[in-house]
Amino acid sequence: MDLERNVPFDIEAYEARVKSRPCFICAVVAGDPDYAHEQIVYEDDRHLAFLARYPTMPGYVLVSPKRHIEHVVRDLDEDAYHAIMGVVRKVALAVEAVVPSERTYVLSLGSQEGNAHLHWHVAPLPPGTPYREQQFYALMSENGLIPWSQTQAEELAGRLRAALA
Protein backbone atom coordinates (compact mmCIF):
# COMPACT_ATOMS: atom_id res chain seq x y z
CA MET A 1 0.00 0.00 0.00
CA ASP A 2 1.37 3.39 -0.99
CA LEU A 3 2.16 5.49 2.09
CA GLU A 4 3.05 8.65 0.25
CA ARG A 5 0.57 11.41 1.05
CA ASN A 6 0.40 12.86 -2.44
CA VAL A 7 -3.36 13.29 -2.89
CA PRO A 8 -4.31 16.94 -2.31
CA PHE A 9 -7.25 17.69 -0.04
CA ASP A 10 -9.49 20.70 -0.61
CA ILE A 11 -10.25 21.74 2.95
CA GLU A 12 -12.54 24.61 1.89
CA ALA A 13 -14.74 22.31 -0.21
CA TYR A 14 -14.78 19.74 2.60
CA GLU A 15 -15.77 22.37 5.16
CA ALA A 16 -18.60 23.63 2.94
CA ARG A 17 -19.83 20.07 2.41
CA VAL A 18 -19.88 19.03 6.08
CA LYS A 19 -21.55 22.26 7.13
CA SER A 20 -24.31 22.01 4.50
CA ARG A 21 -25.14 18.30 4.32
CA PRO A 22 -26.84 15.98 6.80
CA CYS A 23 -24.73 14.01 9.27
CA PHE A 24 -22.35 11.70 7.40
CA ILE A 25 -22.23 9.15 10.23
CA CYS A 26 -26.02 8.91 10.28
CA ALA A 27 -25.81 8.33 6.49
CA VAL A 28 -23.28 5.51 7.00
CA VAL A 29 -25.51 3.97 9.70
CA ALA A 30 -28.48 4.18 7.28
CA GLY A 31 -26.51 2.42 4.52
CA ASP A 32 -26.47 5.40 2.12
CA PRO A 33 -24.69 4.18 -1.06
CA ASP A 34 -22.91 7.56 -1.38
CA TYR A 35 -20.75 6.38 1.53
CA ALA A 36 -19.31 3.21 -0.01
CA HIS A 37 -15.71 4.19 0.82
CA GLU A 38 -16.71 4.13 4.48
CA GLN A 39 -16.59 0.33 4.55
CA ILE A 40 -18.07 -1.00 7.79
CA VAL A 41 -15.59 -3.20 9.63
CA TYR A 42 -17.48 -3.72 12.91
CA GLU A 43 -21.08 -3.40 14.00
CA ASP A 44 -23.09 -4.30 17.05
CA ASP A 45 -26.50 -3.14 18.26
CA ARG A 46 -25.18 0.27 19.46
CA HIS A 47 -21.89 0.93 17.63
CA LEU A 48 -20.33 1.10 14.21
CA ALA A 49 -16.71 1.17 13.01
CA PHE A 50 -15.85 2.07 9.43
CA LEU A 51 -12.93 3.12 7.27
CA ALA A 52 -12.28 6.83 6.92
CA ARG A 53 -13.11 8.25 3.49
CA TYR A 54 -10.13 10.61 3.60
CA PRO A 55 -7.30 8.56 5.13
CA THR A 56 -3.98 10.12 5.98
CA MET A 57 -2.65 6.70 7.02
CA PRO A 58 -3.57 3.15 5.97
CA GLY A 59 -6.05 1.57 8.38
CA TYR A 60 -7.64 4.83 9.55
CA VAL A 61 -10.98 3.86 11.13
CA LEU A 62 -13.78 5.82 12.79
CA VAL A 63 -15.82 4.35 15.65
CA SER A 64 -19.16 5.84 16.61
CA PRO A 65 -22.42 5.16 18.35
CA LYS A 66 -25.22 4.43 15.89
CA ARG A 67 -27.49 6.85 17.69
CA HIS A 68 -26.79 10.50 16.92
CA ILE A 69 -24.94 11.61 20.05
CA GLU A 70 -22.83 14.76 20.01
CA HIS A 71 -20.96 15.15 23.29
CA VAL A 72 -18.36 12.64 24.40
CA VAL A 73 -18.88 13.29 28.10
CA ARG A 74 -22.35 14.78 28.59
CA ASP A 75 -24.32 12.51 26.23
CA LEU A 76 -22.98 9.16 27.46
CA ASP A 77 -23.65 7.67 30.84
CA GLU A 78 -20.79 5.72 32.39
CA ASP A 79 -21.91 2.35 31.03
CA ALA A 80 -22.34 3.69 27.49
CA TYR A 81 -18.94 5.40 27.68
CA HIS A 82 -17.23 2.19 28.79
CA ALA A 83 -19.07 0.22 26.11
CA ILE A 84 -17.94 2.43 23.24
CA MET A 85 -14.40 2.59 24.60
CA GLY A 86 -14.43 -1.21 24.59
CA VAL A 87 -15.31 -1.09 20.89
CA VAL A 88 -12.59 1.49 20.24
CA ARG A 89 -10.04 -0.81 21.91
CA LYS A 90 -11.26 -3.89 20.04
CA VAL A 91 -11.09 -2.07 16.71
CA ALA A 92 -7.66 -0.56 17.49
CA LEU A 93 -6.26 -4.01 18.31
CA ALA A 94 -7.63 -5.37 15.02
CA VAL A 95 -6.15 -2.43 13.11
CA GLU A 96 -2.76 -3.09 14.73
CA ALA A 97 -3.01 -6.78 13.80
CA VAL A 98 -3.67 -5.95 10.14
CA VAL A 99 -1.78 -2.72 9.44
CA PRO A 100 1.86 -2.17 10.39
CA SER A 101 2.01 0.59 12.97
CA GLU A 102 4.46 1.87 15.52
CA ARG A 103 1.79 3.72 17.50
CA THR A 104 -1.97 4.02 17.30
CA TYR A 105 -3.63 7.37 17.84
CA VAL A 106 -7.10 7.31 19.42
CA LEU A 107 -8.98 10.55 19.78
CA SER A 108 -12.43 12.08 19.53
CA LEU A 109 -12.80 15.01 17.17
CA GLY A 110 -15.73 16.86 15.66
CA SER A 111 -17.50 20.18 15.86
CA GLN A 112 -20.99 21.47 16.45
CA GLU A 113 -20.62 23.22 13.06
CA GLY A 114 -19.92 20.01 11.15
CA ASN A 115 -19.26 16.36 11.95
CA ALA A 116 -21.15 16.78 15.22
CA HIS A 117 -21.96 13.06 15.55
CA LEU A 118 -19.68 11.66 18.25
CA HIS A 119 -16.86 9.54 16.84
CA TRP A 120 -13.39 8.32 17.69
CA HIS A 121 -10.51 8.27 15.26
CA VAL A 122 -8.33 5.15 15.33
CA ALA A 123 -5.26 6.08 13.30
CA PRO A 124 -2.24 3.76 13.02
CA LEU A 125 1.06 5.58 12.53
CA PRO A 126 3.17 3.75 9.93
CA PRO A 127 6.59 2.57 11.16
CA GLY A 128 9.43 4.88 10.24
CA THR A 129 7.30 8.01 9.94
CA PRO A 130 9.64 10.97 10.54
CA TYR A 131 8.97 12.69 13.85
CA ARG A 132 7.94 15.97 12.18
CA GLU A 133 5.20 14.03 10.33
CA GLN A 134 3.79 12.33 13.44
CA GLN A 135 1.09 13.36 15.92
CA PHE A 136 -1.26 16.09 14.67
CA TYR A 137 0.61 16.41 11.37
CA ALA A 138 -0.15 12.74 10.65
CA LEU A 139 -3.86 13.30 11.23
CA MET A 140 -4.29 16.50 9.22
CA SER A 141 -5.76 15.93 5.79
CA GLU A 142 -4.48 19.36 4.78
CA ASN A 143 -1.03 17.72 4.60
CA GLY A 144 -2.27 15.36 1.90
CA LEU A 145 -4.08 12.04 1.76
CA ILE A 146 -2.78 8.62 0.86
CA PRO A 147 -3.95 7.30 -2.52
CA TRP A 148 -7.14 5.38 -1.76
CA SER A 149 -9.56 3.50 -3.98
CA GLN A 150 -12.81 1.64 -3.46
CA THR A 151 -10.98 -1.62 -4.19
CA GLN A 152 -8.37 -0.88 -1.52
CA ALA A 153 -11.12 0.04 0.96
CA GLU A 154 -12.98 -3.22 0.32
CA GLU A 155 -9.81 -5.32 0.62
CA LEU A 156 -8.68 -3.69 3.87
CA ALA A 157 -12.20 -3.83 5.30
CA GLY A 158 -12.30 -7.58 4.62
CA ARG A 159 -9.01 -8.08 6.46
CA LEU A 160 -10.20 -5.99 9.40
CA ARG A 161 -13.53 -7.83 9.58
CA ALA A 162 -11.64 -11.14 9.67
CA ALA A 163 -9.42 -9.84 12.50
CA LEU A 164 -12.50 -8.70 14.41
CA ALA A 165 -14.39 -11.99 13.92
C-alpha atoms as a PDB file:
ATOM      1  CA  MET A   1       0.000   0.000   0.000  1.00  0.00           C
ATOM      2  CA  ASP A   2       1.368   3.390  -0.990  1.00  0.00           C
ATOM      3  CA  LEU A   3       2.155   5.487   2.092  1.00  0.00           C
ATOM      4  CA  GLU A   4       3.051   8.655   0.245  1.00  0.00           C
ATOM      5  CA  ARG A   5       0.566  11.405   1.045  1.00  0.00           C
ATOM      6  CA  ASN A   6       0.400  12.856  -2.435  1.00  0.00           C
ATOM      7  CA  VAL A   7      -3.361  13.288  -2.885  1.00  0.00           C
ATOM      8  CA  PRO A   8      -4.310  16.944  -2.310  1.00  0.00           C
ATOM      9  CA  PHE A   9      -7.246  17.685  -0.036  1.00  0.00           C
ATOM     10  CA  ASP A  10      -9.485  20.698  -0.611  1.00  0.00           C
ATOM     11  CA  ILE A  11     -10.246  21.740   2.954  1.00  0.00           C
ATOM     12  CA  GLU A  12     -12.542  24.605   1.894  1.00  0.00           C
ATOM     13  CA  ALA A  13     -14.738  22.306  -0.206  1.00  0.00           C
ATOM     14  CA  TYR A  14     -14.778  19.742   2.604  1.00  0.00           C
ATOM     15  CA  GLU A  15     -15.772  22.370   5.161  1.00  0.00           C
ATOM     16  CA  ALA A  16     -18.600  23.633   2.944  1.00  0.00           C
ATOM     17  CA  ARG A  17     -19.828  20.065   2.413  1.00  0.00           C
ATOM     18  CA  VAL A  18     -19.880  19.026   6.076  1.00  0.00           C
ATOM     19  CA  LYS A  19     -21.552  22.258   7.126  1.00  0.00           C
ATOM     20  CA  SER A  20     -24.309  22.015   4.504  1.00  0.00           C
ATOM     21  CA  ARG A  21     -25.142  18.303   4.323  1.00  0.00           C
ATOM     22  CA  PRO A  22     -26.838  15.982   6.798  1.00  0.00           C
ATOM     23  CA  CYS A  23     -24.730  14.012   9.267  1.00  0.00           C
ATOM     24  CA  PHE A  24     -22.347  11.696   7.400  1.00  0.00           C
ATOM     25  CA  ILE A  25     -22.235   9.152  10.226  1.00  0.00           C
ATOM     26  CA  CYS A  26     -26.023   8.905  10.275  1.00  0.00           C
ATOM     27  CA  ALA A  27     -25.808   8.332   6.494  1.00  0.00           C
ATOM     28  CA  VAL A  28     -23.281   5.506   7.003  1.00  0.00           C
ATOM     29  CA  VAL A  29     -25.511   3.973   9.696  1.00  0.00           C
ATOM     30  CA  ALA A  30     -28.481   4.175   7.283  1.00  0.00           C
ATOM     31  CA  GLY A  31     -26.511   2.419   4.518  1.00  0.00           C
ATOM     32  CA  ASP A  32     -26.474   5.396   2.118  1.00  0.00           C
ATOM     33  CA  PRO A  33     -24.688   4.182  -1.059  1.00  0.00           C
ATOM     34  CA  ASP A  34     -22.912   7.560  -1.384  1.00  0.00           C
ATOM     35  CA  TYR A  35     -20.746   6.383   1.527  1.00  0.00           C
ATOM     36  CA  ALA A  36     -19.308   3.213  -0.014  1.00  0.00           C
ATOM     37  CA  HIS A  37     -15.709   4.189   0.818  1.00  0.00           C
ATOM     38  CA  GLU A  38     -16.705   4.129   4.475  1.00  0.00           C
ATOM     39  CA  GLN A  39     -16.588   0.330   4.554  1.00  0.00           C
ATOM     40  CA  ILE A  40     -18.068  -0.997   7.792  1.00  0.00           C
ATOM     41  CA  VAL A  41     -15.594  -3.205   9.634  1.00  0.00           C
ATOM     42  CA  TYR A  42     -17.479  -3.716  12.908  1.00  0.00           C
ATOM     43  CA  GLU A  43     -21.081  -3.400  13.999  1.00  0.00           C
ATOM     44  CA  ASP A  44     -23.093  -4.301  17.046  1.00  0.00           C
ATOM     45  CA  ASP A  45     -26.495  -3.137  18.255  1.00  0.00           C
ATOM     46  CA  ARG A  46     -25.178   0.265  19.462  1.00  0.00           C
ATOM     47  CA  HIS A  47     -21.889   0.928  17.628  1.00  0.00           C
ATOM     48  CA  LEU A  48     -20.327   1.098  14.208  1.00  0.00           C
ATOM     49  CA  ALA A  49     -16.712   1.167  13.010  1.00  0.00           C
ATOM     50  CA  PHE A  50     -15.847   2.066   9.434  1.00  0.00           C
ATOM     51  CA  LEU A  51     -12.933   3.117   7.268  1.00  0.00           C
ATOM     52  CA  ALA A  52     -12.284   6.828   6.922  1.00  0.00           C
ATOM     53  CA  ARG A  53     -13.114   8.255   3.493  1.00  0.00           C
ATOM     54  CA  TYR A  54     -10.126  10.609   3.600  1.00  0.00           C
ATOM     55  CA  PRO A  55      -7.302   8.561   5.127  1.00  0.00           C
ATOM     56  CA  THR A  56      -3.983  10.116   5.981  1.00  0.00           C
ATOM     57  CA  MET A  57      -2.651   6.697   7.022  1.00  0.00           C
ATOM     58  CA  PRO A  58      -3.569   3.146   5.969  1.00  0.00           C
ATOM     59  CA  GLY A  59      -6.047   1.572   8.379  1.00  0.00           C
ATOM     60  CA  TYR A  60      -7.640   4.826   9.546  1.00  0.00           C
ATOM     61  CA  VAL A  61     -10.976   3.855  11.134  1.00  0.00           C
ATOM     62  CA  LEU A  62     -13.780   5.823  12.793  1.00  0.00           C
ATOM     63  CA  VAL A  63     -15.816   4.355  15.655  1.00  0.00           C
ATOM     64  CA  SER A  64     -19.163   5.845  16.609  1.00  0.00           C
ATOM     65  CA  PRO A  65     -22.424   5.155  18.346  1.00  0.00           C
ATOM     66  CA  LYS A  66     -25.224   4.432  15.891  1.00  0.00           C
ATOM     67  CA  ARG A  67     -27.495   6.848  17.688  1.00  0.00           C
ATOM     68  CA  HIS A  68     -26.787  10.504  16.920  1.00  0.00           C
ATOM     69  CA  ILE A  69     -24.945  11.615  20.048  1.00  0.00           C
ATOM     70  CA  GLU A  70     -22.831  14.765  20.008  1.00  0.00           C
ATOM     71  CA  HIS A  71     -20.962  15.147  23.294  1.00  0.00           C
ATOM     72  CA  VAL A  72     -18.359  12.638  24.399  1.00  0.00           C
ATOM     73  CA  VAL A  73     -18.878  13.286  28.103  1.00  0.00           C
ATOM     74  CA  ARG A  74     -22.354  14.780  28.586  1.00  0.00           C
ATOM     75  CA  ASP A  75     -24.321  12.509  26.231  1.00  0.00           C
ATOM     76  CA  LEU A  76     -22.980   9.162  27.461  1.00  0.00           C
ATOM     77  CA  ASP A  77     -23.649   7.670  30.841  1.00  0.00           C
ATOM     78  CA  GLU A  78     -20.794   5.719  32.391  1.00  0.00           C
ATOM     79  CA  ASP A  79     -21.908   2.347  31.027  1.00  0.00           C
ATOM     80  CA  ALA A  80     -22.338   3.694  27.494  1.00  0.00           C
ATOM     81  CA  TYR A  81     -18.938   5.401  27.682  1.00  0.00           C
ATOM     82  CA  HIS A  82     -17.233   2.191  28.789  1.00  0.00           C
ATOM     83  CA  ALA A  83     -19.074   0.220  26.108  1.00  0.00           C
ATOM     84  CA  ILE A  84     -17.943   2.429  23.241  1.00  0.00           C
ATOM     85  CA  MET A  85     -14.404   2.594  24.596  1.00  0.00           C
ATOM     86  CA  GLY A  86     -14.427  -1.210  24.591  1.00  0.00           C
ATOM     87  CA  VAL A  87     -15.312  -1.094  20.887  1.00  0.00           C
ATOM     88  CA  VAL A  88     -12.587   1.489  20.243  1.00  0.00           C
ATOM     89  CA  ARG A  89     -10.040  -0.813  21.908  1.00  0.00           C
ATOM     90  CA  LYS A  90     -11.259  -3.893  20.041  1.00  0.00           C
ATOM     91  CA  VAL A  91     -11.087  -2.070  16.711  1.00  0.00           C
ATOM     92  CA  ALA A  92      -7.665  -0.563  17.492  1.00  0.00           C
ATOM     93  CA  LEU A  93      -6.263  -4.009  18.306  1.00  0.00           C
ATOM     94  CA  ALA A  94      -7.625  -5.371  15.020  1.00  0.00           C
ATOM     95  CA  VAL A  95      -6.145  -2.431  13.106  1.00  0.00           C
ATOM     96  CA  GLU A  96      -2.762  -3.088  14.735  1.00  0.00           C
ATOM     97  CA  ALA A  97      -3.010  -6.776  13.802  1.00  0.00           C
ATOM     98  CA  VAL A  98      -3.672  -5.954  10.142  1.00  0.00           C
ATOM     99  CA  VAL A  99      -1.784  -2.716   9.436  1.00  0.00           C
ATOM    100  CA  PRO A 100       1.861  -2.174  10.391  1.00  0.00           C
ATOM    101  CA  SER A 101       2.011   0.590  12.973  1.00  0.00           C
ATOM    102  CA  GLU A 102       4.462   1.875  15.522  1.00  0.00           C
ATOM    103  CA  ARG A 103       1.786   3.721  17.502  1.00  0.00           C
ATOM    104  CA  THR A 104      -1.970   4.019  17.300  1.00  0.00           C
ATOM    105  CA  TYR A 105      -3.632   7.371  17.840  1.00  0.00           C
ATOM    106  CA  VAL A 106      -7.098   7.307  19.423  1.00  0.00           C
ATOM    107  CA  LEU A 107      -8.983  10.555  19.785  1.00  0.00           C
ATOM    108  CA  SER A 108     -12.428  12.079  19.531  1.00  0.00           C
ATOM    109  CA  LEU A 109     -12.798  15.014  17.174  1.00  0.00           C
ATOM    110  CA  GLY A 110     -15.731  16.864  15.662  1.00  0.00           C
ATOM    111  CA  SER A 111     -17.498  20.182  15.860  1.00  0.00           C
ATOM    112  CA  GLN A 112     -20.991  21.472  16.446  1.00  0.00           C
ATOM    113  CA  GLU A 113     -20.619  23.223  13.065  1.00  0.00           C
ATOM    114  CA  GLY A 114     -19.922  20.009  11.146  1.00  0.00           C
ATOM    115  CA  ASN A 115     -19.260  16.358  11.947  1.00  0.00           C
ATOM    116  CA  ALA A 116     -21.151  16.783  15.219  1.00  0.00           C
ATOM    117  CA  HIS A 117     -21.965  13.059  15.553  1.00  0.00           C
ATOM    118  CA  LEU A 118     -19.683  11.661  18.246  1.00  0.00           C
ATOM    119  CA  HIS A 119     -16.856   9.540  16.841  1.00  0.00           C
ATOM    120  CA  TRP A 120     -13.393   8.317  17.693  1.00  0.00           C
ATOM    121  CA  HIS A 121     -10.511   8.274  15.257  1.00  0.00           C
ATOM    122  CA  VAL A 122      -8.326   5.154  15.329  1.00  0.00           C
ATOM    123  CA  ALA A 123      -5.257   6.080  13.300  1.00  0.00           C
ATOM    124  CA  PRO A 124      -2.236   3.757  13.024  1.00  0.00           C
ATOM    125  CA  LEU A 125       1.057   5.579  12.533  1.00  0.00           C
ATOM    126  CA  PRO A 126       3.175   3.750   9.935  1.00  0.00           C
ATOM    127  CA  PRO A 127       6.594   2.566  11.162  1.00  0.00           C
ATOM    128  CA  GLY A 128       9.429   4.881  10.237  1.00  0.00           C
ATOM    129  CA  THR A 129       7.298   8.014   9.945  1.00  0.00           C
ATOM    130  CA  PRO A 130       9.643  10.971  10.538  1.00  0.00           C
ATOM    131  CA  TYR A 131       8.972  12.693  13.854  1.00  0.00           C
ATOM    132  CA  ARG A 132       7.945  15.966  12.183  1.00  0.00           C
ATOM    133  CA  GLU A 133       5.200  14.026  10.335  1.00  0.00           C
ATOM    134  CA  GLN A 134       3.786  12.328  13.439  1.00  0.00           C
ATOM    135  CA  GLN A 135       1.095  13.358  15.921  1.00  0.00           C
ATOM    136  CA  PHE A 136      -1.259  16.092  14.668  1.00  0.00           C
ATOM    137  CA  TYR A 137       0.609  16.410  11.366  1.00  0.00           C
ATOM    138  CA  ALA A 138      -0.154  12.736  10.652  1.00  0.00           C
ATOM    139  CA  LEU A 139      -3.865  13.303  11.228  1.00  0.00           C
ATOM    140  CA  MET A 140      -4.290  16.501   9.223  1.00  0.00           C
ATOM    141  CA  SER A 141      -5.756  15.928   5.785  1.00  0.00           C
ATOM    142  CA  GLU A 142      -4.483  19.359   4.777  1.00  0.00           C
ATOM    143  CA  ASN A 143      -1.029  17.725   4.603  1.00  0.00           C
ATOM    144  CA  GLY A 144      -2.274  15.356   1.896  1.00  0.00           C
ATOM    145  CA  LEU A 145      -4.075  12.043   1.763  1.00  0.00           C
ATOM    146  CA  ILE A 146      -2.782   8.617   0.860  1.00  0.00           C
ATOM    147  CA  PRO A 147      -3.948   7.305  -2.518  1.00  0.00           C
ATOM    148  CA  TRP A 148      -7.141   5.383  -1.758  1.00  0.00           C
ATOM    149  CA  SER A 149      -9.562   3.498  -3.979  1.00  0.00           C
ATOM    150  CA  GLN A 150     -12.815   1.642  -3.457  1.00  0.00           C
ATOM    151  CA  THR A 151     -10.984  -1.617  -4.191  1.00  0.00           C
ATOM    152  CA  GLN A 152      -8.370  -0.878  -1.520  1.00  0.00           C
ATOM    153  CA  ALA A 153     -11.121   0.039   0.960  1.00  0.00           C
ATOM    154  CA  GLU A 154     -12.977  -3.216   0.323  1.00  0.00           C
ATOM    155  CA  GLU A 155      -9.809  -5.317   0.619  1.00  0.00           C
ATOM    156  CA  LEU A 156      -8.684  -3.691   3.872  1.00  0.00           C
ATOM    157  CA  ALA A 157     -12.203  -3.834   5.304  1.00  0.00           C
ATOM    158  CA  GLY A 158     -12.298  -7.579   4.622  1.00  0.00           C
ATOM    159  CA  ARG A 159      -9.009  -8.076   6.462  1.00  0.00           C
ATOM    160  CA  LEU A 160     -10.202  -5.985   9.400  1.00  0.00           C
ATOM    161  CA  ARG A 161     -13.531  -7.827   9.576  1.00  0.00           C
ATOM    162  CA  ALA A 162     -11.640 -11.139   9.673  1.00  0.00           C
ATOM    163  CA  ALA A 163      -9.421  -9.843  12.504  1.00  0.00           C
ATOM    164  CA  LEU A 164     -12.502  -8.700  14.408  1.00  0.00           C
ATOM    165  CA  ALA A 165     -14.392 -11.992  13.922  1.00  0.00           C
END
